[in-house]
PDB file of N, CA and C in Angstrom:
ATOM      1  N   UNK A   1       2.691 -45.533  31.933  1.00  0.00           N
ATOM      2  CA  UNK A   1       3.255 -44.210  32.122  1.00  0.00           C
ATOM      3  C   UNK A   1       3.821 -43.664  30.816  1.00  0.00           C
ATOM      4  N   UNK A   2       4.549 -44.498  30.082  1.00  0.00           N
ATOM      5  CA  UNK A   2       5.138 -44.066  28.824  1.00  0.00           C
ATOM      6  C   UNK A   2       4.051 -43.717  27.812  1.00  0.00           C
ATOM      7  N   UNK A   3       2.961 -44.463  27.861  1.00  0.00           N
ATOM      8  CA  UNK A   3       1.857 -44.210  26.925  1.00  0.00           C
ATOM      9  C   UNK A   3       1.235 -42.849  27.206  1.00  0.00           C
ATOM     10  N   UNK A   4       1.028 -42.525  28.481  1.00  0.00           N
ATOM     11  CA  UNK A   4       0.460 -41.225  28.840  1.00  0.00           C
ATOM     12  C   UNK A   4       1.410 -40.095  28.436  1.00  0.00           C
ATOM     13  N   UNK A   5       2.690 -40.312  28.632  1.00  0.00           N
ATOM     14  CA  UNK A   5       3.676 -39.301  28.255  1.00  0.00           C
ATOM     15  C   UNK A   5       3.662 -39.056  26.748  1.00  0.00           C
ATOM     16  N   UNK A   6       3.569 -40.132  25.972  1.00  0.00           N
ATOM     17  CA  UNK A   6       3.496 -39.988  24.516  1.00  0.00           C
ATOM     18  C   UNK A   6       2.232 -39.245  24.085  1.00  0.00           C
ATOM     19  N   UNK A   7       1.115 -39.533  24.746  1.00  0.00           N
ATOM     20  CA  UNK A   7      -0.138 -38.841  24.428  1.00  0.00           C
ATOM     21  C   UNK A   7      -0.024 -37.349  24.747  1.00  0.00           C
ATOM     22  N   UNK A   8       0.573 -37.031  25.898  1.00  0.00           N
ATOM     23  CA  UNK A   8       0.746 -35.636  26.279  1.00  0.00           C
ATOM     24  C   UNK A   8       1.656 -34.928  25.276  1.00  0.00           C
ATOM     25  N   UNK A   9       2.738 -35.559  24.905  1.00  0.00           N
ATOM     26  CA  UNK A   9       3.652 -34.975  23.916  1.00  0.00           C
ATOM     27  C   UNK A   9       2.946 -34.772  22.588  1.00  0.00           C
ATOM     28  N   UNK A  10       2.154 -35.738  22.166  1.00  0.00           N
ATOM     29  CA  UNK A  10       1.411 -35.646  20.910  1.00  0.00           C
ATOM     30  C   UNK A  10       0.418 -34.480  20.955  1.00  0.00           C
ATOM     31  N   UNK A  11      -0.314 -34.349  22.065  1.00  0.00           N
ATOM     32  CA  UNK A  11      -1.302 -33.270  22.199  1.00  0.00           C
ATOM     33  C   UNK A  11      -0.597 -31.910  22.181  1.00  0.00           C
ATOM     34  N   UNK A  12       0.501 -31.795  22.922  1.00  0.00           N
ATOM     35  CA  UNK A  12       1.241 -30.536  22.918  1.00  0.00           C
ATOM     36  C   UNK A  12       1.815 -30.225  21.535  1.00  0.00           C
ATOM     37  N   UNK A  13       2.242 -31.229  20.821  1.00  0.00           N
ATOM     38  CA  UNK A  13       2.754 -31.028  19.465  1.00  0.00           C
ATOM     39  C   UNK A  13       1.657 -30.510  18.548  1.00  0.00           C
ATOM     40  N   UNK A  14       0.464 -31.091  18.650  1.00  0.00           N
ATOM     41  CA  UNK A  14      -0.666 -30.608  17.841  1.00  0.00           C
ATOM     42  C   UNK A  14      -1.012 -29.162  18.188  1.00  0.00           C
ATOM     43  N   UNK A  15      -1.012 -28.848  19.476  1.00  0.00           N
ATOM     44  CA  UNK A  15      -1.310 -27.477  19.900  1.00  0.00           C
ATOM     45  C   UNK A  15      -0.244 -26.512  19.373  1.00  0.00           C
ATOM     46  N   UNK A  16       1.023 -26.921  19.438  1.00  0.00           N
ATOM     47  CA  UNK A  16       2.106 -26.072  18.936  1.00  0.00           C
ATOM     48  C   UNK A  16       1.980 -25.854  17.435  1.00  0.00           C
ATOM     49  N   UNK A  17       1.628 -26.890  16.699  1.00  0.00           N
ATOM     50  CA  UNK A  17       1.446 -26.755  15.253  1.00  0.00           C
ATOM     51  C   UNK A  17       0.294 -25.805  14.927  1.00  0.00           C
ATOM     52  N   UNK A  18      -0.775 -25.887  15.701  1.00  0.00           N
ATOM     53  CA  UNK A  18      -1.910 -24.994  15.486  1.00  0.00           C
ATOM     54  C   UNK A  18      -1.504 -23.545  15.766  1.00  0.00           C
ATOM     55  N   UNK A  19      -0.746 -23.327  16.832  1.00  0.00           N
ATOM     56  CA  UNK A  19      -0.263 -21.979  17.139  1.00  0.00           C
ATOM     57  C   UNK A  19       0.664 -21.448  16.039  1.00  0.00           C
ATOM     58  N   UNK A  20       1.496 -22.318  15.497  1.00  0.00           N
ATOM     59  CA  UNK A  20       2.361 -21.912  14.389  1.00  0.00           C
ATOM     60  C   UNK A  20       1.543 -21.538  13.153  1.00  0.00           C
ATOM     61  N   UNK A  21       0.489 -22.287  12.898  1.00  0.00           N
ATOM     62  CA  UNK A  21      -0.371 -21.982  11.745  1.00  0.00           C
ATOM     63  C   UNK A  21      -1.054 -20.628  11.938  1.00  0.00           C
ATOM     64  N   UNK A  22      -1.511 -20.360  13.147  1.00  0.00           N
ATOM     65  CA  UNK A  22      -2.146 -19.066  13.435  1.00  0.00           C
ATOM     66  C   UNK A  22      -1.137 -17.942  13.274  1.00  0.00           C
ATOM     67  N   UNK A  23       0.065 -18.153  13.779  1.00  0.00           N
ATOM     68  CA  UNK A  23       1.114 -17.131  13.669  1.00  0.00           C
ATOM     69  C   UNK A  23       1.455 -16.861  12.200  1.00  0.00           C
ATOM     70  N   UNK A  24       1.518 -17.912  11.403  1.00  0.00           N
ATOM     71  CA  UNK A  24       1.814 -17.731   9.979  1.00  0.00           C
ATOM     72  C   UNK A  24       0.721 -16.935   9.287  1.00  0.00           C
ATOM     73  N   UNK A  25      -0.536 -17.163   9.661  1.00  0.00           N
ATOM     74  CA  UNK A  25      -1.635 -16.380   9.094  1.00  0.00           C
ATOM     75  C   UNK A  25      -1.484 -14.907   9.456  1.00  0.00           C
ATOM     76  N   UNK A  26      -1.072 -14.643  10.698  1.00  0.00           N
ATOM     77  CA  UNK A  26      -0.866 -13.258  11.116  1.00  0.00           C
ATOM     78  C   UNK A  26       0.264 -12.617  10.306  1.00  0.00           C
ATOM     79  N   UNK A  27       1.330 -13.343  10.102  1.00  0.00           N
ATOM     80  CA  UNK A  27       2.452 -12.826   9.318  1.00  0.00           C
ATOM     81  C   UNK A  27       2.012 -12.539   7.886  1.00  0.00           C
ATOM     82  N   UNK A  28       1.240 -13.446   7.310  1.00  0.00           N
ATOM     83  CA  UNK A  28       0.748 -13.236   5.942  1.00  0.00           C
ATOM     84  C   UNK A  28      -0.158 -12.010   5.866  1.00  0.00           C
ATOM     85  N   UNK A  29      -0.995 -11.821   6.878  1.00  0.00           N
ATOM     86  CA  UNK A  29      -1.893 -10.666   6.911  1.00  0.00           C
ATOM     87  C   UNK A  29      -1.100  -9.368   6.993  1.00  0.00           C
ATOM     88  N   UNK A  30      -0.094  -9.342   7.856  1.00  0.00           N
ATOM     89  CA  UNK A  30       0.730  -8.138   7.991  1.00  0.00           C
ATOM     90  C   UNK A  30       1.475  -7.863   6.689  1.00  0.00           C
ATOM     91  N   UNK A  31       1.956  -8.902   6.037  1.00  0.00           N
ATOM     92  CA  UNK A  31       2.644  -8.708   4.757  1.00  0.00           C
ATOM     93  C   UNK A  31       1.695  -8.112   3.717  1.00  0.00           C
ATOM     94  N   UNK A  32       0.494  -8.636   3.643  1.00  0.00           N
ATOM     95  CA  UNK A  32      -0.499  -8.121   2.695  1.00  0.00           C
ATOM     96  C   UNK A  32      -0.813  -6.657   2.997  1.00  0.00           C
ATOM     97  N   UNK A  33      -0.968  -6.333   4.272  1.00  0.00           N
ATOM     98  CA  UNK A  33      -1.247  -4.951   4.654  1.00  0.00           C
ATOM     99  C   UNK A  33      -0.083  -4.036   4.283  1.00  0.00           C
ATOM    100  N   UNK A  34       1.138  -4.508   4.461  1.00  0.00           N
ATOM    101  CA  UNK A  34       2.313  -3.713   4.122  1.00  0.00           C
ATOM    102  C   UNK A  34       2.358  -3.432   2.626  1.00  0.00           C
ATOM    103  N   UNK A  35       2.080  -4.442   1.830  1.00  0.00           N
ATOM    104  CA  UNK A  35       2.066  -4.257   0.374  1.00  0.00           C
ATOM    105  C   UNK A  35       0.994  -3.243  -0.019  1.00  0.00           C
ATOM    106  N   UNK A  36      -0.183  -3.349   0.595  1.00  0.00           N
ATOM    107  CA  UNK A  36      -1.264  -2.410   0.282  1.00  0.00           C
ATOM    108  C   UNK A  36      -0.887  -0.989   0.692  1.00  0.00           C
ATOM    109  N   UNK A  37      -0.258  -0.829   1.851  1.00  0.00           N
ATOM    110  CA  UNK A  37       0.161   0.502   2.280  1.00  0.00           C
ATOM    111  C   UNK A  37       1.218   1.086   1.339  1.00  0.00           C
ATOM    112  N   UNK A  38       2.107   0.245   0.841  1.00  0.00           N
ATOM    113  CA  UNK A  38       3.106   0.719  -0.116  1.00  0.00           C
ATOM    114  C   UNK A  38       2.441   1.175  -1.414  1.00  0.00           C
ATOM    115  N   UNK A  39       1.452   0.429  -1.871  1.00  0.00           N
ATOM    116  CA  UNK A  39       0.733   0.823  -3.085  1.00  0.00           C
ATOM    117  C   UNK A  39      -0.018   2.127  -2.880  1.00  0.00           C
ATOM    118  N   UNK A  40      -0.637   2.270  -1.711  1.00  0.00           N
ATOM    119  CA  UNK A  40      -1.358   3.505  -1.406  1.00  0.00           C
ATOM    120  C   UNK A  40      -0.394   4.685  -1.387  1.00  0.00           C
ATOM    121  N   UNK A  41       0.759   4.510  -0.757  1.00  0.00           N
ATOM    122  CA  UNK A  41       1.759   5.584  -0.697  1.00  0.00           C
ATOM    123  C   UNK A  41       2.237   5.953  -2.101  1.00  0.00           C
ATOM    124  N   UNK A  42       2.458   4.951  -2.955  1.00  0.00           N
ATOM    125  CA  UNK A  42       2.892   5.228  -4.325  1.00  0.00           C
ATOM    126  C   UNK A  42       1.822   6.006  -5.082  1.00  0.00           C
ATOM    127  N   UNK A  43       0.548   5.603  -4.908  1.00  0.00           N
ATOM    128  CA  UNK A  43      -0.537   6.298  -5.593  1.00  0.00           C
ATOM    129  C   UNK A  43      -0.690   7.720  -5.075  1.00  0.00           C
ATOM    130  N   UNK A  44      -0.505   7.927  -3.765  1.00  0.00           N
ATOM    131  CA  UNK A  44      -0.565   9.283  -3.226  1.00  0.00           C
ATOM    132  C   UNK A  44       0.551  10.148  -3.808  1.00  0.00           C
ATOM    133  N   UNK A  45       1.735   9.561  -3.967  1.00  0.00           N
ATOM    134  CA  UNK A  45       2.842  10.295  -4.574  1.00  0.00           C
ATOM    135  C   UNK A  45       2.513  10.660  -6.019  1.00  0.00           C
ATOM    136  N   UNK A  46       1.925   9.715  -6.747  1.00  0.00           N
ATOM    137  CA  UNK A  46       1.532   9.996  -8.136  1.00  0.00           C
ATOM    138  C   UNK A  46       0.467  11.084  -8.190  1.00  0.00           C
ATOM    139  N   UNK A  47      -0.496  11.037  -7.276  1.00  0.00           N
ATOM    140  CA  UNK A  47      -1.532  12.069  -7.244  1.00  0.00           C
ATOM    141  C   UNK A  47      -0.944  13.435  -6.916  1.00  0.00           C
ATOM    142  N   UNK A  48       0.012  13.467  -6.001  1.00  0.00           N
ATOM    143  CA  UNK A  48       0.663  14.743  -5.677  1.00  0.00           C
ATOM    144  C   UNK A  48       1.380  15.310  -6.901  1.00  0.00           C
ATOM    145  N   UNK A  49       2.062  14.447  -7.648  1.00  0.00           N
ATOM    146  CA  UNK A  49       2.753  14.900  -8.859  1.00  0.00           C
ATOM    147  C   UNK A  49       1.746  15.461  -9.863  1.00  0.00           C
ATOM    148  N   UNK A  50       0.604  14.787 -10.011  1.00  0.00           N
ATOM    149  CA  UNK A  50      -0.432  15.293 -10.924  1.00  0.00           C
ATOM    150  C   UNK A  50      -0.988  16.629 -10.441  1.00  0.00           C
ATOM    151  N   UNK A  51      -1.200  16.745  -9.134  1.00  0.00           N
ATOM    152  CA  UNK A  51      -1.709  18.007  -8.587  1.00  0.00           C
ATOM    153  C   UNK A  51      -0.741  19.153  -8.873  1.00  0.00           C
ATOM    154  N   UNK A  52       0.564  18.894  -8.667  1.00  0.00           N
ATOM    155  CA  UNK A  52       1.549  19.929  -8.936  1.00  0.00           C
ATOM    156  C   UNK A  52       1.575  20.288 -10.426  1.00  0.00           C
ATOM    157  N   UNK A  53       1.449  19.290 -11.290  1.00  0.00           N
ATOM    158  CA  UNK A  53       1.435  19.558 -12.730  1.00  0.00           C
ATOM    159  C   UNK A  53       0.206  20.378 -13.114  1.00  0.00           C
ATOM    160  N   UNK A  54      -0.943  20.023 -12.561  1.00  0.00           N
ATOM    161  CA  UNK A  54      -2.180  20.767 -12.847  1.00  0.00           C
ATOM    162  C   UNK A  54      -2.069  22.185 -12.312  1.00  0.00           C
ATOM    163  N   UNK A  55      -1.524  22.311 -11.098  1.00  0.00           N
ATOM    164  CA  UNK A  55      -1.365  23.636 -10.512  1.00  0.00           C
ATOM    165  C   UNK A  55      -0.437  24.499 -11.366  1.00  0.00           C
ATOM    166  N   UNK A  56       0.621  23.885 -11.870  1.00  0.00           N
ATOM    167  CA  UNK A  56       1.541  24.631 -12.732  1.00  0.00           C
ATOM    168  C   UNK A  56       0.890  25.061 -14.019  1.00  0.00           C
ATOM    169  N   UNK A  57       0.095  24.197 -14.617  1.00  0.00           N
ATOM    170  CA  UNK A  57      -0.572  24.529 -15.879  1.00  0.00           C
ATOM    171  C   UNK A  57      -1.695  25.536 -15.692  1.00  0.00           C
ATOM    172  N   UNK A  58      -2.279  25.546 -14.502  1.00  0.00           N
ATOM    173  CA  UNK A  58      -3.415  26.440 -14.258  1.00  0.00           C
ATOM    174  C   UNK A  58      -3.019  27.696 -13.496  1.00  0.00           C
ATOM    175  N   UNK A  59      -1.746  27.912 -13.295  1.00  0.00           N
ATOM    176  CA  UNK A  59      -1.313  29.115 -12.577  1.00  0.00           C
ATOM    177  C   UNK A  59      -1.645  30.348 -13.405  1.00  0.00           C
ATOM    178  N   UNK A  60      -1.710  31.469 -12.732  1.00  0.00           N
ATOM    179  CA  UNK A  60      -2.060  32.720 -13.416  1.00  0.00           C
ATOM    180  C   UNK A  60      -1.046  33.036 -14.514  1.00  0.00           C
ATOM    181  N   UNK A  61       0.230  32.770 -14.248  1.00  0.00           N
ATOM    182  CA  UNK A  61       1.275  33.047 -15.242  1.00  0.00           C
ATOM    183  C   UNK A  61       1.091  32.180 -16.487  1.00  0.00           C
ATOM    184  N   UNK A  62       0.825  30.878 -16.278  1.00  0.00           N
ATOM    185  CA  UNK A  62       0.648  29.978 -17.419  1.00  0.00           C
ATOM    186  C   UNK A  62      -0.602  30.329 -18.204  1.00  0.00           C
ATOM    187  N   UNK A  63      -1.677  30.641 -17.495  1.00  0.00           N
ATOM    188  CA  UNK A  63      -2.917  31.014 -18.194  1.00  0.00           C
ATOM    189  C   UNK A  63      -2.739  32.318 -18.957  1.00  0.00           C
ATOM    190  N   UNK A  64      -1.967  33.254 -18.376  1.00  0.00           N
ATOM    191  CA  UNK A  64      -1.706  34.519 -19.067  1.00  0.00           C
ATOM    192  C   UNK A  64      -0.945  34.293 -20.360  1.00  0.00           C
ATOM    193  N   UNK A  65       0.066  33.417 -20.330  1.00  0.00           N
ATOM    194  CA  UNK A  65       0.823  33.096 -21.542  1.00  0.00           C
ATOM    195  C   UNK A  65      -0.063  32.394 -22.566  1.00  0.00           C
ATOM    196  N   UNK A  66      -0.936  31.508 -22.096  1.00  0.00           N
ATOM    197  CA  UNK A  66      -1.840  30.789 -22.993  1.00  0.00           C
ATOM    198  C   UNK A  66      -2.796  31.761 -23.666  1.00  0.00           C
ATOM    199  N   UNK A  67      -3.365  32.648 -22.873  1.00  0.00           N
ATOM    200  CA  UNK A  67      -4.323  33.630 -23.434  1.00  0.00           C
ATOM    201  C   UNK A  67      -3.613  34.542 -24.415  1.00  0.00           C
ATOM    202  N   UNK A  68      -2.409  34.969 -24.076  1.00  0.00           N
ATOM    203  CA  UNK A  68      -1.657  35.841 -24.986  1.00  0.00           C
ATOM    204  C   UNK A  68      -1.351  35.114 -26.300  1.00  0.00           C
ATOM    205  N   UNK A  69      -1.022  33.841 -26.215  1.00  0.00           N
ATOM    206  CA  UNK A  69      -0.739  33.062 -27.423  1.00  0.00           C
ATOM    207  C   UNK A  69      -1.999  32.897 -28.261  1.00  0.00           C
ATOM    208  N   UNK A  70      -3.128  32.684 -27.622  1.00  0.00           N
ATOM    209  CA  UNK A  70      -4.381  32.520 -28.342  1.00  0.00           C
ATOM    210  C   UNK A  70      -4.787  33.826 -29.023  1.00  0.00           C
ATOM    211  N   UNK A  71      -4.614  34.930 -28.341  1.00  0.00           N
ATOM    212  CA  UNK A  71      -4.978  36.240 -28.908  1.00  0.00           C
ATOM    213  C   UNK A  71      -4.096  36.543 -30.105  1.00  0.00           C
ATOM    214  N   UNK A  72      -2.795  36.300 -29.989  1.00  0.00           N
ATOM    215  CA  UNK A  72      -1.905  36.581 -31.104  1.00  0.00           C
ATOM    216  C   UNK A  72      -2.141  35.587 -32.252  1.00  0.00           C
ATOM    217  N   UNK A  73      -2.588  34.408 -31.963  1.00  0.00           N
ATOM    218  CA  UNK A  73      -2.877  33.413 -32.990  1.00  0.00           C
ATOM    219  C   UNK A  73      -4.102  33.797 -33.821  1.00  0.00           C
ATOM    220  N   UNK A  74      -5.080  34.426 -33.184  1.00  0.00           N
ATOM    221  CA  UNK A  74      -6.315  34.820 -33.869  1.00  0.00           C
ATOM    222  C   UNK A  74      -6.196  36.154 -34.590  1.00  0.00           C
ATOM    223  N   UNK A  75      -5.144  36.876 -34.397  1.00  0.00           N
ATOM    224  CA  UNK A  75      -5.007  38.186 -35.056  1.00  0.00           C
ATOM    225  C   UNK A  75      -4.460  38.087 -36.430  1.00  0.00           C
TER     226      UNK A  75
END
């Protein structure tokens, strides 16, 4: 009886360890995904800043000042 009980405990322990290993893989995957999402968000923020800078440089007012400066420079 004691031998069967030890075998059952051993089998359940192995199953529990396997479940823990699977859970750890899931945690690692979620962590990796979180890091990637943070990087994507940072890059989107950087792209937005570049878009605003380009929009500011290409606005009608900025282009008008640039053209006026170029015309006065060539005169």
